Amino acid sequence: MTPAHGSTVDGVLRRSARRTPARVAIDYRDRSWTYEELDAAVSRAASVLLDQGLAPGDRVGAYGHNSDAYLIAFLACSRAGLVHVPVNQNLTGDDLAYIVGQSGSSLVLADPELTDRLPDGVRTLPLRDADDSLLARQATAPAHDGPEPRGEDLVQLLYTSGTTALPKGAMMTHRALVHEYLSAITALDLSAGDRPVHSLPLYHSAQMHVFLLPYLAVGATNTILDAPDGDQLFDLIEAGRADSLFAPPTVWIALAGRPDFTTRDLDGLRKAYYGASIMPVPVLERLRARWPKLAFYNCFGQSEIGPLATVLAPDEHKGRMDSCGRTVLFVDARVVDEDGKDVPDGTPGEIVYRSPQLCEGYWDKPEETAEAFRDGWFRSGDLAVRDAHGYFTIVDRVKDVINSGGVLVASRQVEDALYTHEGVAEAAVIGLPDERWIEAVTAVVVPRGEVTEAELIDHARERLAHFKAPKRVVFVDELPRNASGKILKRELRDRLRDG
């Protein structure tokens, strides 16, 4: 049997508990956990899970909102050798049944108010807010003292967002995630003295694996919120309880649009992390103008790589505001053509990765795995440009590039042009079938104030070649997004094609 070397997800917490047992690890609502208390709770919760008749390698679904119980459940699965399956708490019906069924989850840990959404016959155990919740049961359970999982064991199935097809479960090992934690710590300058607040869904890999777990690894005090509520965030910053925040562009846009954005004392915020979707350059410029001393980090990657792949550090923004930075510690990347051959710097191509952070493939999907992993490299599906200094700029998703009259148009370039108009709050550019153009460049816009279709088309034509400018502008109240803030362009295309 391979000896245990401690390269496990739960080992990250165990080491911090031994190093700083009395330091507060987690604040959630009116509860606080020191590192020693959190570590002990995880061991007891692991026993609770194994008492359900589960065996190492079994999959356990997690269907709940942000809470300390959600974190404890994930770490308990890790310690017990189980495979955690985080499920978007907004999923219902067939989408929910698909992930629970495709993963083969033997048990689903669920918030009580969500249990009725689960398919009939699924075994459940409440996460919290019930007499028999996981949090309550762990308080009296004995500590788990079974064998440690190994670094090469699976610890989580990270389901992709499903923006272009059915979600796929990326098989993450302990060792892959621990490598990713170290990459995040070094690239994002995470330290024990930071006061991070975690407000995005913990089921999502960015909040859990780029921030919460790495911050637990360095011994910081972490505040978990139910959601990215502006009042709570601003109160925490003003009170000196939060100086580090990660949010997608949508949340940063919402915070910057609040009436009290310029009147509250927010100078205590020191580190601002953005990612999960592309930040429009005009929006970033407005944020930097409001917070000239705030350190902005652009985080880019995808679930299959844990998910952090590249970072643009604060001192690297000047002159490359649209870049997603350079690769992190344990990631190697290239830009290639359709045949997998390197393209010259400055030439668009698909970005491919090789890394110990990568997943082992997709759960029970051998054909998709073979398609994604070719010649030892993972095909990301992202269209990127690399410069001579090693900086990458994401141009588009390969499947989102628009074929307009036989010429390829990157939707991001059109979106950035639209964002320079004061009447555009949010924009997404897609291609729709067109007899003349093959695909017509179409802008879907959430307006700010009064603005017309003709005005925006003229505005884009002043900044772009005419073939890149939108042929049509559709105004909507909001853009469809997943919980991480990523715009669901497939849903937009389906909706407008059918309409």
Protein backbone atom coordinates (compact mmCIF):
# COMPACT_ATOMS: atom_id res chain seq x y z
CA MET A 1 0.00 0.00 0.00
CA THR A 2 1.27 3.46 -0.88
CA PRO A 3 2.23 5.35 2.30
CA ALA A 4 0.36 8.53 3.14
CA HIS A 5 2.39 11.72 2.68
CA GLY A 6 -0.19 14.28 3.80
CA SER A 7 -0.78 15.66 0.29
CA THR A 8 -4.52 15.78 0.89
CA VAL A 9 -7.13 18.50 1.00
CA ASP A 10 -8.02 17.90 4.64
CA GLY A 11 -4.32 17.78 5.48
CA VAL A 12 -4.19 21.49 4.62
CA LEU A 13 -6.52 22.21 7.54
CA ARG A 14 -4.84 19.71 9.85
CA ARG A 15 -1.46 21.43 9.48
CA SER A 16 -2.93 24.89 10.11
CA ALA A 17 -4.72 23.58 13.22
CA ARG A 18 -1.44 22.28 14.61
CA ARG A 19 0.39 25.49 13.78
CA THR A 20 -2.18 28.05 15.03
CA PRO A 21 -4.87 26.13 16.98
CA ALA A 22 -6.39 29.14 18.79
CA ARG A 23 -6.63 31.48 15.80
CA VAL A 24 -10.14 32.02 14.41
CA ALA A 25 -10.46 30.16 11.12
CA ILE A 26 -14.10 30.83 10.17
CA ASP A 27 -16.72 33.44 11.02
CA TYR A 28 -20.21 32.67 9.73
CA ARG A 29 -23.21 34.61 10.94
CA ASP A 30 -23.02 34.40 14.75
CA ARG A 31 -20.65 31.40 14.86
CA SER A 32 -16.87 31.30 14.97
CA TRP A 33 -14.54 28.32 14.69
CA THR A 34 -10.91 28.31 15.72
CA TYR A 35 -8.59 26.19 13.62
CA GLU A 36 -8.51 23.55 16.36
CA GLU A 37 -12.31 23.51 16.62
CA LEU A 38 -12.77 23.35 12.86
CA ASP A 39 -10.32 20.48 12.50
CA ALA A 40 -12.07 18.52 15.28
CA ALA A 41 -15.49 19.17 13.70
CA VAL A 42 -14.24 17.84 10.37
CA SER A 43 -13.00 14.61 12.00
CA ARG A 44 -16.33 14.06 13.76
CA ALA A 45 -18.31 14.84 10.59
CA ALA A 46 -16.20 12.29 8.70
CA SER A 47 -17.34 9.67 11.20
CA VAL A 48 -20.97 10.72 10.69
CA LEU A 49 -20.65 10.22 6.96
CA LEU A 50 -19.03 6.80 7.23
CA ASP A 51 -21.76 5.77 9.69
CA GLN A 52 -24.22 6.22 6.81
CA GLY A 53 -22.77 3.07 5.27
CA LEU A 54 -20.54 4.93 2.82
CA ALA A 55 -17.17 3.57 1.75
CA PRO A 56 -14.07 5.38 0.46
CA GLY A 57 -14.57 6.32 -3.19
CA ASP A 58 -18.34 6.75 -2.88
CA ARG A 59 -19.70 10.00 -4.26
CA VAL A 60 -21.53 12.40 -1.94
CA GLY A 61 -23.56 15.26 -3.39
CA ALA A 62 -23.58 18.66 -1.68
CA TYR A 63 -26.67 20.76 -2.44
CA GLY A 64 -26.73 23.76 -0.19
CA HIS A 65 -26.11 27.45 0.27
CA ASN A 66 -22.99 28.99 1.76
CA SER A 67 -22.43 28.06 5.41
CA ASP A 68 -19.84 26.75 7.82
CA ALA A 69 -21.61 23.40 7.54
CA TYR A 70 -20.99 23.33 3.78
CA LEU A 71 -17.26 23.79 4.31
CA ILE A 72 -17.13 21.19 7.09
CA ALA A 73 -18.97 18.69 4.87
CA PHE A 74 -16.45 19.12 2.04
CA LEU A 75 -13.46 18.68 4.34
CA ALA A 76 -15.17 15.73 6.06
CA CYS A 77 -15.63 13.98 2.71
CA SER A 78 -11.95 14.56 2.04
CA ARG A 79 -10.90 13.09 5.39
CA ALA A 80 -13.19 10.08 5.02
CA GLY A 81 -11.89 9.26 1.51
CA LEU A 82 -15.21 10.15 -0.11
CA VAL A 83 -15.69 12.04 -3.38
CA HIS A 84 -17.47 15.35 -2.90
CA VAL A 85 -19.89 16.43 -5.67
CA PRO A 86 -20.79 20.14 -5.34
CA VAL A 87 -24.13 20.96 -6.96
CA ASN A 88 -25.31 24.43 -7.94
CA GLN A 89 -28.01 25.26 -5.38
CA ASN A 90 -30.07 26.95 -8.12
CA LEU A 91 -30.46 23.77 -10.17
CA THR A 92 -33.84 22.05 -10.27
CA GLY A 93 -35.64 19.42 -12.31
CA ASP A 94 -33.74 17.59 -15.02
CA ASP A 95 -30.54 19.63 -14.54
CA LEU A 96 -30.37 18.63 -10.87
CA ALA A 97 -31.31 15.02 -11.55
CA TYR A 98 -28.64 14.79 -14.25
CA ILE A 99 -25.72 15.67 -11.96
CA VAL A 100 -26.95 13.54 -9.05
CA GLY A 101 -27.53 10.60 -11.37
CA GLN A 102 -24.49 10.97 -13.62
CA SER A 103 -22.16 11.22 -10.63
CA GLY A 104 -23.70 8.16 -9.01
CA SER A 105 -24.01 9.97 -5.68
CA SER A 106 -24.90 7.53 -2.88
CA LEU A 107 -26.00 10.33 -0.57
CA VAL A 108 -26.83 14.01 -0.98
CA LEU A 109 -26.13 16.48 1.81
CA ALA A 110 -28.76 19.18 1.36
CA ASP A 111 -30.13 22.24 3.07
CA PRO A 112 -33.58 21.21 4.37
CA GLU A 113 -35.40 23.81 2.27
CA LEU A 114 -33.85 22.32 -0.89
CA THR A 115 -34.50 18.64 -0.18
CA ASP A 116 -37.90 18.55 -1.92
CA ARG A 117 -36.24 19.48 -5.22
CA LEU A 118 -34.17 16.28 -5.30
CA PRO A 119 -35.30 13.31 -7.38
CA ASP A 120 -37.41 10.67 -5.67
CA GLY A 121 -35.43 7.90 -4.04
CA VAL A 122 -32.26 9.91 -3.41
CA ARG A 123 -30.84 9.39 0.08
CA THR A 124 -30.37 12.69 1.87
CA LEU A 125 -28.88 14.04 5.06
CA PRO A 126 -29.58 17.64 6.10
CA LEU A 127 -26.57 19.93 6.15
CA ARG A 128 -27.90 22.34 8.76
CA ASP A 129 -30.89 23.98 10.44
CA ALA A 130 -32.47 20.71 11.50
CA ASP A 131 -32.23 18.52 14.59
CA ASP A 132 -30.57 15.74 12.62
CA SER A 133 -28.32 18.02 10.54
CA LEU A 134 -24.72 17.14 9.80
CA LEU A 135 -23.62 20.07 11.96
CA ALA A 136 -25.66 18.83 14.92
CA ARG A 137 -24.67 15.18 14.55
CA GLN A 138 -20.96 15.94 14.36
CA ALA A 139 -21.06 17.66 17.77
CA THR A 140 -21.41 14.30 19.55
CA ALA A 141 -19.74 11.92 17.09
CA PRO A 142 -16.36 10.33 17.76
CA ALA A 143 -13.38 11.60 15.79
CA HIS A 144 -12.58 9.73 12.58
CA ASP A 145 -9.45 7.64 13.03
CA GLY A 146 -9.48 5.58 9.84
CA PRO A 147 -6.77 5.40 7.19
CA GLU A 148 -5.82 8.63 5.42
CA PRO A 149 -6.71 9.01 1.76
CA ARG A 150 -3.82 9.10 -0.69
CA GLY A 151 -2.79 12.03 -2.84
CA GLU A 152 -3.81 10.24 -6.03
CA ASP A 153 -7.33 9.46 -4.75
CA LEU A 154 -10.28 11.40 -6.13
CA VAL A 155 -11.65 14.03 -3.75
CA GLN A 156 -14.13 15.95 -5.90
CA LEU A 157 -16.08 15.91 -9.14
CA LEU A 158 -16.13 19.52 -10.36
CA TYR A 159 -18.94 19.81 -12.89
CA THR A 160 -18.30 22.27 -15.69
CA SER A 161 -20.68 25.17 -16.07
CA GLY A 162 -22.41 23.65 -19.07
CA THR A 163 -22.49 26.87 -21.13
CA THR A 164 -22.15 24.91 -24.39
CA ALA A 165 -23.18 21.32 -23.56
CA LEU A 166 -24.24 19.05 -20.72
CA PRO A 167 -21.98 19.51 -17.68
CA LYS A 168 -19.04 17.14 -17.32
CA GLY A 169 -17.59 16.06 -13.97
CA ALA A 170 -13.88 16.91 -13.87
CA MET A 171 -12.20 14.27 -11.67
CA MET A 172 -10.00 16.13 -9.17
CA THR A 173 -7.48 14.33 -6.98
CA HIS A 174 -6.20 15.50 -3.61
CA ARG A 175 -2.77 16.09 -5.11
CA ALA A 176 -4.13 18.21 -7.97
CA LEU A 177 -6.01 20.54 -5.62
CA VAL A 178 -3.10 20.85 -3.17
CA HIS A 179 -0.86 21.89 -6.08
CA GLU A 180 -3.50 24.43 -7.10
CA TYR A 181 -3.65 25.83 -3.55
CA LEU A 182 0.07 26.50 -3.57
CA SER A 183 -0.23 28.14 -7.00
CA ALA A 184 -2.97 30.41 -5.66
CA ILE A 185 -1.04 31.33 -2.50
CA THR A 186 2.05 32.37 -4.43
CA ALA A 187 0.39 34.11 -7.38
CA LEU A 188 -2.23 35.99 -5.34
CA ASP A 189 -0.02 36.98 -2.40
CA LEU A 190 -2.29 35.32 0.17
CA SER A 191 -1.10 35.62 3.76
CA ALA A 192 -2.23 34.86 7.32
CA GLY A 193 -2.64 38.56 8.04
CA ASP A 194 -5.27 39.05 5.33
CA ARG A 195 -8.95 39.30 6.30
CA PRO A 196 -10.74 37.70 3.34
CA VAL A 197 -14.50 37.63 2.89
CA HIS A 198 -16.02 34.79 0.84
CA SER A 199 -19.41 35.68 -0.62
CA LEU A 200 -19.70 33.73 -3.87
CA PRO A 201 -21.18 30.21 -3.84
CA LEU A 202 -18.85 27.68 -2.23
CA TYR A 203 -20.03 25.01 -4.65
CA HIS A 204 -18.07 26.94 -7.29
CA SER A 205 -14.40 26.05 -7.66
CA ALA A 206 -13.12 29.65 -7.72
CA GLN A 207 -14.40 30.68 -4.28
CA MET A 208 -13.60 27.34 -2.65
CA HIS A 209 -10.29 26.40 -4.27
CA VAL A 210 -8.68 29.70 -5.25
CA PHE A 211 -9.52 31.52 -2.03
CA LEU A 212 -11.14 29.73 0.93
CA LEU A 213 -8.96 26.60 1.06
CA PRO A 214 -5.70 28.43 0.23
CA TYR A 215 -6.52 30.99 2.93
CA LEU A 216 -7.11 28.16 5.40
CA ALA A 217 -3.72 26.77 4.36
CA VAL A 218 -1.94 30.00 5.35
CA GLY A 219 -3.92 30.42 8.58
CA ALA A 220 -6.05 33.50 7.83
CA THR A 221 -9.35 34.39 9.53
CA ASN A 222 -12.12 33.92 6.95
CA THR A 223 -15.61 35.40 6.88
CA ILE A 224 -18.24 33.46 4.94
CA LEU A 225 -21.34 35.31 3.72
CA ASP A 226 -24.53 33.81 2.36
CA ALA A 227 -24.26 35.92 -0.80
CA PRO A 228 -22.40 38.98 -2.15
CA ASP A 229 -24.62 41.51 -0.40
CA GLY A 230 -23.32 45.05 -0.88
CA ASP A 231 -24.49 46.32 2.52
CA GLN A 232 -22.74 43.48 4.34
CA LEU A 233 -19.58 43.80 2.28
CA PHE A 234 -19.30 47.55 2.79
CA ASP A 235 -20.03 47.18 6.54
CA LEU A 236 -17.29 44.57 6.92
CA ILE A 237 -14.78 46.73 5.04
CA GLU A 238 -15.61 49.83 7.09
CA ALA A 239 -15.37 47.83 10.33
CA GLY A 240 -11.89 46.56 9.40
CA ARG A 241 -13.08 42.95 9.20
CA ALA A 242 -12.51 42.53 5.45
CA ASP A 243 -9.59 43.67 3.33
CA SER A 244 -9.57 41.00 0.62
CA LEU A 245 -12.46 40.30 -1.78
CA PHE A 246 -12.96 38.10 -4.83
CA ALA A 247 -15.90 38.77 -7.14
CA PRO A 248 -16.80 38.34 -10.81
CA PRO A 249 -17.14 41.47 -12.97
CA THR A 250 -20.92 41.48 -12.47
CA VAL A 251 -20.53 41.95 -8.71
CA TRP A 252 -17.82 44.61 -9.09
CA ILE A 253 -20.11 46.44 -11.55
CA ALA A 254 -23.00 46.25 -9.07
CA LEU A 255 -20.85 47.51 -6.17
CA ALA A 256 -19.52 50.39 -8.28
CA GLY A 257 -23.09 51.31 -9.24
CA ARG A 258 -24.34 51.65 -5.66
CA PRO A 259 -25.29 55.21 -4.59
CA ASP A 260 -22.99 54.95 -1.54
CA PHE A 261 -19.98 53.71 -3.53
CA THR A 262 -18.30 57.11 -3.38
CA THR A 263 -19.40 58.04 0.15
CA ARG A 264 -18.55 54.96 2.23
CA ASP A 265 -15.10 54.62 3.79
CA LEU A 266 -13.81 51.67 1.76
CA ASP A 267 -10.10 52.44 1.93
CA GLY A 268 -9.58 49.41 4.17
CA LEU A 269 -9.94 47.14 1.14
CA ARG A 270 -6.40 46.21 0.08
CA LYS A 271 -6.76 43.33 -2.38
CA ALA A 272 -9.37 43.01 -5.13
CA TYR A 273 -9.57 39.81 -7.15
CA TYR A 274 -11.72 39.45 -10.25
CA GLY A 275 -12.34 36.56 -12.59
CA ALA A 276 -14.87 33.84 -13.58
CA SER A 277 -15.69 35.90 -16.69
CA ILE A 278 -13.97 38.61 -18.72
CA MET A 279 -13.81 42.04 -17.05
CA PRO A 280 -14.60 44.77 -19.60
CA VAL A 281 -11.63 47.13 -19.74
CA PRO A 282 -13.75 50.30 -19.38
CA VAL A 283 -15.26 48.91 -16.17
CA LEU A 284 -11.84 48.05 -14.75
CA GLU A 285 -10.61 51.54 -15.56
CA ARG A 286 -13.51 53.07 -13.61
CA LEU A 287 -12.81 50.86 -10.58
CA ARG A 288 -9.11 51.69 -10.61
CA ALA A 289 -9.90 55.39 -10.82
CA ARG A 290 -12.10 55.10 -7.70
CA TRP A 291 -9.54 52.95 -5.83
CA PRO A 292 -6.09 54.05 -7.06
CA LYS A 293 -4.27 52.29 -4.18
CA LEU A 294 -6.23 49.03 -4.37
CA ALA A 295 -4.29 46.02 -5.67
CA PHE A 296 -6.27 44.40 -8.50
CA TYR A 297 -5.56 40.79 -9.55
CA ASN A 298 -7.08 39.15 -12.63
CA CYS A 299 -7.62 35.42 -12.04
CA PHE A 300 -8.25 33.14 -15.00
CA GLY A 301 -8.71 29.42 -15.48
CA GLN A 302 -11.37 26.72 -15.59
CA SER A 303 -12.74 23.92 -13.46
CA GLU A 304 -10.55 21.26 -15.07
CA ILE A 305 -7.36 22.88 -13.77
CA GLY A 306 -8.58 23.42 -10.26
CA PRO A 307 -9.36 26.24 -11.49
CA LEU A 308 -6.51 28.81 -11.42
CA ALA A 309 -4.26 28.88 -14.51
CA THR A 310 -3.03 32.46 -14.98
CA VAL A 311 -2.88 35.67 -12.94
CA LEU A 312 -2.31 39.30 -13.88
CA ALA A 313 -0.74 40.89 -10.80
CA PRO A 314 -1.37 44.50 -9.70
CA ASP A 315 1.95 45.80 -11.04
CA GLU A 316 1.35 44.12 -14.41
CA HIS A 317 -1.87 45.91 -15.43
CA LYS A 318 -0.31 48.99 -17.01
CA GLY A 319 -0.40 48.65 -20.79
CA ARG A 320 -2.10 45.25 -20.72
CA MET A 321 -5.46 45.82 -19.02
CA ASP A 322 -7.11 43.18 -21.20
CA SER A 323 -4.59 40.46 -20.33
CA CYS A 324 -5.24 37.57 -17.96
CA GLY A 325 -1.55 37.46 -17.05
CA ARG A 326 1.03 34.72 -16.95
CA THR A 327 0.82 31.12 -15.85
CA VAL A 328 0.89 30.30 -12.14
CA LEU A 329 3.48 28.16 -10.39
CA PHE A 330 2.38 24.68 -11.48
CA VAL A 331 0.89 25.43 -14.90
CA ASP A 332 2.50 25.26 -18.33
CA ALA A 333 0.55 26.68 -21.29
CA ARG A 334 0.88 27.01 -25.08
CA VAL A 335 -1.19 28.56 -27.86
CA VAL A 336 -1.80 26.15 -30.74
CA ASP A 337 -3.66 25.77 -34.01
CA GLU A 338 -6.27 23.11 -34.81
CA ASP A 339 -3.51 20.53 -35.36
CA GLY A 340 -1.91 21.21 -31.98
CA LYS A 341 1.10 23.08 -33.41
CA ASP A 342 2.40 26.24 -31.74
CA VAL A 343 1.35 29.50 -33.36
CA PRO A 344 3.63 32.57 -33.36
CA ASP A 345 3.32 35.08 -30.53
CA GLY A 346 0.57 37.57 -31.30
CA THR A 347 -1.45 35.02 -33.27
CA PRO A 348 -4.80 33.75 -31.93
CA GLY A 349 -5.03 30.07 -31.15
CA GLU A 350 -6.40 27.66 -28.57
CA ILE A 351 -4.66 27.74 -25.20
CA VAL A 352 -3.66 24.27 -23.97
CA TYR A 353 -2.36 23.23 -20.55
CA ARG A 354 -0.07 20.71 -18.91
CA SER A 355 -0.07 20.71 -15.11
CA PRO A 356 -0.24 18.57 -11.95
CA GLN A 357 -3.34 20.67 -11.15
CA LEU A 358 -5.29 19.13 -14.02
CA CYS A 359 -8.19 16.75 -13.55
CA GLU A 360 -7.83 13.07 -14.39
CA GLY A 361 -10.49 13.34 -17.06
CA TYR A 362 -14.30 13.48 -17.05
CA TRP A 363 -16.33 11.14 -14.88
CA ASP A 364 -17.76 8.28 -16.95
CA LYS A 365 -17.14 10.14 -20.23
CA PRO A 366 -14.21 8.44 -21.99
CA GLU A 367 -14.87 10.00 -25.40
CA GLU A 368 -14.98 13.55 -24.03
CA THR A 369 -11.84 12.84 -22.01
CA ALA A 370 -9.98 11.62 -25.09
CA GLU A 371 -11.10 14.68 -27.03
CA ALA A 372 -9.95 17.10 -24.31
CA PHE A 373 -6.59 15.45 -23.56
CA ARG A 374 -4.51 15.12 -26.70
CA ASP A 375 -0.76 14.62 -27.00
CA GLY A 376 -0.33 15.11 -23.26
CA TRP A 377 -2.02 18.54 -23.26
CA PHE A 378 -5.50 19.64 -22.17
CA ARG A 379 -7.48 21.53 -24.82
CA SER A 380 -9.14 24.40 -22.97
CA GLY A 381 -11.59 25.63 -25.60
CA ASP A 382 -10.38 29.21 -25.03
CA LEU A 383 -9.06 31.30 -27.89
CA ALA A 384 -6.02 33.26 -26.71
CA VAL A 385 -3.04 35.32 -27.81
CA ARG A 386 0.38 35.09 -26.13
CA ASP A 387 2.90 37.91 -26.31
CA ALA A 388 6.70 37.74 -26.31
CA HIS A 389 6.80 38.30 -22.53
CA GLY A 390 4.58 35.33 -21.71
CA TYR A 391 1.34 37.25 -21.08
CA PHE A 392 -1.90 35.74 -22.33
CA THR A 393 -5.00 37.57 -23.51
CA ILE A 394 -8.24 35.63 -23.88
CA VAL A 395 -9.92 36.56 -27.13
CA ASP A 396 -13.01 34.41 -26.84
CA ARG A 397 -14.28 30.93 -26.29
CA VAL A 398 -13.50 28.93 -29.44
CA LYS A 399 -17.22 28.17 -29.81
CA ASP A 400 -18.21 31.83 -29.30
CA VAL A 401 -16.16 33.25 -32.18
CA ILE A 402 -18.54 34.66 -34.81
CA ASN A 403 -18.19 33.81 -38.51
CA SER A 404 -19.43 37.00 -40.19
CA GLY A 405 -19.30 36.69 -43.95
CA GLY A 406 -16.38 34.26 -43.71
CA VAL A 407 -14.38 36.56 -41.40
CA LEU A 408 -13.94 35.57 -37.75
CA VAL A 409 -15.02 38.18 -35.18
CA ALA A 410 -14.12 37.93 -31.48
CA SER A 411 -17.10 38.84 -29.35
CA ARG A 412 -14.94 40.36 -26.60
CA GLN A 413 -13.60 43.09 -28.88
CA VAL A 414 -17.12 44.16 -29.79
CA GLU A 415 -18.23 44.05 -26.15
CA ASP A 416 -15.33 46.28 -25.06
CA ALA A 417 -16.30 48.82 -27.73
CA LEU A 418 -19.90 48.85 -26.51
CA TYR A 419 -18.85 49.27 -22.87
CA THR A 420 -17.28 52.63 -23.73
CA HIS A 421 -20.80 54.02 -24.29
CA GLU A 422 -22.33 55.45 -21.13
CA GLY A 423 -25.72 53.99 -22.05
CA VAL A 424 -24.47 50.39 -21.76
CA ALA A 425 -24.69 48.77 -18.34
CA GLU A 426 -23.90 45.25 -19.57
CA ALA A 427 -23.36 43.68 -22.98
CA ALA A 428 -22.96 40.25 -24.54
CA VAL A 429 -22.21 39.73 -28.22
CA ILE A 430 -23.23 36.55 -30.04
CA GLY A 431 -23.60 35.27 -33.58
CA LEU A 432 -27.03 34.41 -34.93
CA PRO A 433 -27.73 32.48 -38.17
CA ASP A 434 -28.03 34.81 -41.16
CA GLU A 435 -28.57 34.01 -44.85
CA ARG A 436 -26.24 36.75 -46.02
CA TRP A 437 -23.57 36.87 -43.29
CA ILE A 438 -23.57 33.19 -42.17
CA GLU A 439 -23.69 34.60 -38.64
CA ALA A 440 -24.84 38.15 -37.85
CA VAL A 441 -22.98 39.96 -35.08
CA THR A 442 -25.71 40.60 -32.51
CA ALA A 443 -25.37 42.64 -29.32
CA VAL A 444 -27.57 41.89 -26.33
CA VAL A 445 -27.51 44.94 -24.08
CA VAL A 446 -28.76 45.87 -20.63
CA PRO A 447 -29.21 49.63 -21.08
CA ARG A 448 -28.40 52.41 -18.64
CA GLY A 449 -30.85 55.23 -19.28
CA GLU A 450 -32.10 56.08 -22.77
CA VAL A 451 -30.15 54.65 -25.71
CA THR A 452 -31.18 53.43 -29.17
CA GLU A 453 -30.10 50.55 -31.38
CA ALA A 454 -28.86 52.91 -34.10
CA GLU A 455 -26.86 54.92 -31.59
CA LEU A 456 -24.99 51.85 -30.35
CA ILE A 457 -24.32 50.50 -33.84
CA ASP A 458 -22.88 53.87 -34.88
CA HIS A 459 -20.82 53.99 -31.68
CA ALA A 460 -19.35 50.55 -32.43
CA ARG A 461 -18.61 51.45 -36.06
CA GLU A 462 -16.59 54.46 -34.92
CA ARG A 463 -14.31 52.11 -32.97
CA LEU A 464 -14.30 48.93 -35.04
CA ALA A 465 -14.10 47.79 -38.61
CA HIS A 466 -17.64 47.89 -39.99
CA PHE A 467 -17.84 44.09 -40.42
CA LYS A 468 -17.23 43.71 -36.67
CA ALA A 469 -19.95 46.15 -35.60
CA PRO A 470 -23.31 44.68 -34.54
CA LYS A 471 -25.89 44.20 -37.24
CA ARG A 472 -28.56 44.19 -34.55
CA VAL A 473 -28.93 45.27 -30.91
CA VAL A 474 -31.42 43.56 -28.60
CA PHE A 475 -32.27 45.27 -25.29
CA VAL A 476 -32.98 43.11 -22.22
CA ASP A 477 -33.51 43.70 -18.51
CA GLU A 478 -30.79 41.24 -17.53
CA LEU A 479 -28.37 38.71 -19.02
CA PRO A 480 -28.65 35.01 -18.15
CA ARG A 481 -25.76 33.90 -15.95
CA ASN A 482 -24.66 30.96 -13.90
CA ALA A 483 -23.90 31.38 -10.20
CA SER A 484 -20.27 32.31 -10.87
CA GLY A 485 -21.33 35.28 -12.99
CA LYS A 486 -20.51 33.72 -16.36
CA ILE A 487 -22.86 34.83 -19.14
CA LEU A 488 -24.73 31.91 -20.68
CA LYS A 489 -24.31 32.76 -24.35
CA ARG A 490 -25.73 29.44 -25.44
CA GLU A 491 -28.98 30.36 -23.70
CA LEU A 492 -28.98 33.77 -25.41
CA ARG A 493 -28.42 32.18 -28.81
CA ASP A 494 -31.20 29.66 -28.26
CA ARG A 495 -33.60 32.31 -26.99
CA LEU A 496 -33.02 34.78 -29.83
CA ARG A 497 -32.80 32.12 -32.56
CA ASP A 498 -36.19 30.77 -31.53
CA GLY A 499 -37.62 34.27 -31.04
